[in-house]
Amino acid sequence: MVEGIAAAGAKYFIAKVAPTIATWLADNWGIKSVGLYLGTMAIACFIALLTIIETKDVDFTK
């Protein structure tokens, strides 16, 4: 599958930011803060997934 430049850029950006945040949290607040950070992000992703609406039958040409 061909992906757009924006999607590739977002993947690259997120892949660089998440470890940086985790390292900073571990250095300043301890390793438990990294687990809390990862758990919070997982819950946020799950909530975002639950709020997605099916668009299979939606006519976008209107």
Protein backbone atom coordinates (compact mmCIF):
# COMPACT_ATOMS: atom_id res chain seq x y z
CA MET A 1 0.00 0.00 0.00
CA VAL A 2 1.27 3.44 -0.87
CA GLU A 3 1.15 5.91 1.96
CA GLY A 4 1.15 9.66 1.75
CA ILE A 5 3.96 11.96 2.74
CA ALA A 6 1.95 13.24 5.70
CA ALA A 7 1.39 9.72 7.06
CA ALA A 8 5.06 8.84 6.66
CA GLY A 9 6.08 12.10 8.33
CA ALA A 10 3.69 11.49 11.23
CA LYS A 11 5.07 7.99 11.77
CA TYR A 12 8.62 9.33 11.76
CA PHE A 13 7.75 12.16 14.15
CA ILE A 14 5.90 9.94 16.63
CA ALA A 15 8.63 7.31 16.47
CA LYS A 16 11.12 9.96 17.57
CA VAL A 17 8.98 11.72 20.19
CA ALA A 18 7.63 8.82 22.26
CA PRO A 19 11.04 7.42 23.32
CA THR A 20 12.24 10.94 24.10
CA ILE A 21 9.26 11.54 26.39
CA ALA A 22 9.72 8.14 28.05
CA THR A 23 13.41 8.81 28.66
CA TRP A 24 12.71 12.22 30.13
CA LEU A 25 9.99 10.81 32.39
CA ALA A 26 12.27 7.98 33.60
CA ASP A 27 15.12 10.39 34.33
CA ASN A 28 13.00 12.94 36.18
CA TRP A 29 10.14 10.96 37.75
CA GLY A 30 11.25 7.32 37.80
CA ILE A 31 10.42 4.25 35.75
CA LYS A 32 6.86 4.01 37.11
CA SER A 33 6.03 7.28 35.34
CA VAL A 34 6.86 5.64 32.00
CA GLY A 35 4.32 2.90 32.73
CA LEU A 36 1.74 5.51 33.66
CA TYR A 37 2.51 7.43 30.46
CA LEU A 38 2.18 4.31 28.30
CA GLY A 39 -1.02 3.26 30.06
CA THR A 40 -2.53 6.71 29.61
CA MET A 41 -1.67 6.71 25.90
CA ALA A 42 -3.17 3.23 25.50
CA ILE A 43 -6.42 4.36 27.14
CA ALA A 44 -6.49 7.48 24.94
CA CYS A 45 -6.04 5.32 21.82
CA PHE A 46 -8.80 2.96 22.94
CA ILE A 47 -11.20 5.86 23.53
CA ALA A 48 -10.34 7.28 20.10
CA LEU A 49 -11.01 3.86 18.56
CA LEU A 50 -14.41 3.65 20.25
CA THR A 51 -15.45 7.07 18.92
CA ILE A 52 -14.77 6.26 15.26
CA ILE A 53 -17.96 6.15 13.22
CA GLU A 54 -18.44 3.65 10.38
CA THR A 55 -18.51 5.46 7.03
CA LYS A 56 -19.02 2.49 4.71
CA ASP A 57 -22.54 3.57 3.72
CA VAL A 58 -22.01 7.36 3.83
CA ASP A 59 -22.24 9.27 0.55
CA PHE A 60 -19.39 11.78 0.54
CA THR A 61 -20.30 13.23 -2.86
CA LYS A 62 -23.01 15.50 -1.38
